[in-house]
N, C-alpha and C. Protein backbone atom coordinates (compact mmCIF):
# COMPACT_ATOMS: atom_id res chain seq x y z
N GLU A 1 -32.70 -13.60 -20.44
CA GLU A 1 -33.67 -13.50 -21.37
C GLU A 1 -34.68 -14.44 -21.50
N LEU A 2 -34.49 -15.79 -20.97
CA LEU A 2 -35.50 -16.60 -21.21
C LEU A 2 -36.57 -16.44 -20.44
N TRP A 3 -36.53 -16.01 -19.57
CA TRP A 3 -37.67 -15.59 -18.42
C TRP A 3 -38.48 -14.77 -19.05
N GLY A 4 -37.79 -13.53 -19.79
CA GLY A 4 -38.51 -12.60 -20.58
C GLY A 4 -39.52 -13.01 -21.49
N VAL A 5 -38.99 -14.29 -22.53
CA VAL A 5 -39.70 -14.70 -23.82
C VAL A 5 -40.65 -15.04 -22.89
N LEU A 6 -40.41 -15.87 -22.13
CA LEU A 6 -41.73 -17.09 -21.11
C LEU A 6 -42.90 -16.05 -21.21
N GLU A 7 -42.53 -14.82 -20.42
CA GLU A 7 -43.52 -13.80 -19.57
C GLU A 7 -44.27 -13.05 -21.03
N GLU A 8 -43.44 -12.89 -21.87
CA GLU A 8 -43.74 -12.04 -23.25
C GLU A 8 -44.95 -13.00 -24.04
N MET A 9 -44.35 -14.50 -23.92
CA MET A 9 -45.75 -15.43 -24.48
C MET A 9 -46.67 -15.64 -23.79
N HIS A 10 -46.40 -15.67 -22.34
CA HIS A 10 -47.67 -15.64 -21.35
C HIS A 10 -48.59 -14.54 -21.60
N LEU A 11 -48.07 -13.20 -21.70
CA LEU A 11 -48.98 -12.00 -22.40
C LEU A 11 -49.75 -11.92 -23.61
N ALA A 12 -48.72 -12.65 -24.29
CA ALA A 12 -49.40 -12.62 -25.76
C ALA A 12 -50.60 -13.91 -25.58
N TRP A 13 -50.59 -14.75 -25.14
CA TRP A 13 -51.59 -15.90 -25.02
C TRP A 13 -52.90 -15.17 -24.29
N GLU A 14 -52.70 -14.58 -23.11
CA GLU A 14 -53.56 -13.82 -22.62
C GLU A 14 -54.69 -12.56 -23.39
N CYS A 15 -53.84 -12.14 -24.05
CA CYS A 15 -54.15 -11.17 -25.07
C CYS A 15 -54.62 -12.13 -26.63
N SER A 16 -55.23 -13.30 -26.65
CA SER A 16 -56.02 -13.98 -27.10
C SER A 16 -54.86 -14.40 -28.49
N TYR A 17 -53.35 -13.95 -28.56
CA TYR A 17 -52.63 -14.37 -29.69
C TYR A 17 -52.42 -15.66 -29.48
N ARG A 18 -52.52 -16.45 -30.54
CA ARG A 18 -52.44 -17.86 -30.96
C ARG A 18 -51.06 -17.95 -31.87
N LYS A 19 -50.98 -17.14 -32.65
CA LYS A 19 -49.69 -17.15 -33.39
C LYS A 19 -48.92 -16.12 -33.39
N VAL A 20 -47.29 -16.38 -32.99
CA VAL A 20 -46.42 -15.60 -32.77
C VAL A 20 -45.18 -15.94 -33.32
N GLU A 21 -44.69 -14.90 -33.86
CA GLU A 21 -43.31 -15.13 -34.37
C GLU A 21 -42.18 -14.62 -33.44
N LEU A 22 -41.03 -15.41 -33.18
CA LEU A 22 -40.15 -15.07 -31.70
C LEU A 22 -39.18 -15.03 -32.45
N GLN A 23 -38.46 -14.48 -32.30
CA GLN A 23 -36.70 -14.16 -32.48
C GLN A 23 -35.90 -14.24 -31.30
N VAL A 24 -34.71 -15.06 -30.98
CA VAL A 24 -34.37 -15.25 -29.94
C VAL A 24 -32.81 -15.52 -30.12
N ASP A 25 -31.83 -14.81 -29.55
CA ASP A 25 -30.47 -14.91 -30.19
C ASP A 25 -30.00 -16.08 -29.20
N TYR A 26 -29.80 -17.42 -30.28
CA TYR A 26 -29.70 -18.42 -29.67
C TYR A 26 -28.24 -18.58 -29.03
N LYS A 27 -27.33 -17.90 -29.02
CA LYS A 27 -26.36 -17.96 -28.63
C LYS A 27 -26.53 -17.71 -27.27
N VAL A 28 -27.18 -16.79 -27.06
CA VAL A 28 -27.22 -16.10 -25.53
C VAL A 28 -28.06 -17.77 -25.11
N VAL A 29 -29.14 -18.27 -25.34
CA VAL A 29 -29.80 -19.25 -24.87
C VAL A 29 -28.73 -20.80 -24.32
N VAL A 30 -28.02 -20.66 -25.67
CA VAL A 30 -26.81 -21.77 -25.21
C VAL A 30 -25.80 -21.70 -24.30
N THR A 31 -25.42 -20.44 -24.08
CA THR A 31 -24.72 -19.92 -23.07
C THR A 31 -25.22 -20.08 -21.63
N MET A 32 -26.29 -19.51 -21.56
CA MET A 32 -27.10 -19.59 -20.31
C MET A 32 -27.03 -20.90 -19.72
N LEU A 33 -28.16 -22.10 -20.83
CA LEU A 33 -27.89 -23.49 -20.57
C LEU A 33 -26.84 -24.10 -20.25
N ARG A 34 -25.87 -24.03 -20.89
CA ARG A 34 -24.32 -24.63 -20.58
C ARG A 34 -23.86 -24.08 -19.34
N CYS A 35 -24.21 -22.74 -18.68
CA CYS A 35 -23.55 -22.56 -17.37
C CYS A 35 -24.15 -23.03 -16.10
N GLU A 36 -25.86 -23.27 -16.78
CA GLU A 36 -26.53 -23.54 -15.62
C GLU A 36 -26.46 -24.96 -15.29
N ASN A 37 -26.00 -26.13 -16.61
CA ASN A 37 -25.59 -27.27 -16.42
C ASN A 37 -24.33 -27.66 -15.81
N ALA A 38 -23.50 -26.61 -16.03
CA ALA A 38 -21.95 -26.67 -15.17
C ALA A 38 -22.41 -26.52 -13.83
N LEU A 39 -23.16 -25.75 -13.14
CA LEU A 39 -23.20 -25.41 -11.96
C LEU A 39 -24.12 -26.52 -11.24
N ALA A 40 -25.10 -27.24 -12.55
CA ALA A 40 -25.73 -28.21 -11.53
C ALA A 40 -24.72 -29.23 -10.92
N ASN A 41 -23.76 -29.57 -12.11
CA ASN A 41 -22.97 -30.72 -12.05
C ASN A 41 -22.03 -30.35 -11.01
N LEU A 42 -21.85 -29.35 -10.47
CA LEU A 42 -20.36 -29.19 -9.24
C LEU A 42 -21.35 -29.29 -8.33
N GLY A 43 -22.60 -28.67 -8.19
CA GLY A 43 -23.61 -29.03 -7.11
C GLY A 43 -23.50 -30.61 -6.91
N GLY A 44 -23.47 -31.82 -7.80
CA GLY A 44 -23.73 -33.09 -7.55
C GLY A 44 -22.60 -33.80 -6.97
N MET A 45 -21.43 -33.18 -6.91
CA MET A 45 -20.19 -33.81 -6.64
C MET A 45 -19.93 -33.87 -5.09
């Protein structure tokens, strides 16, 4: 979902939109970030 947001923001910028309202399910974002942090911590052992 985060990559999709980045791609859409990039597309909006290319189309000269400078003010955009964005709605994202924060629970999905937090879950993804926690999973990535957990995986990174496992790799550091």
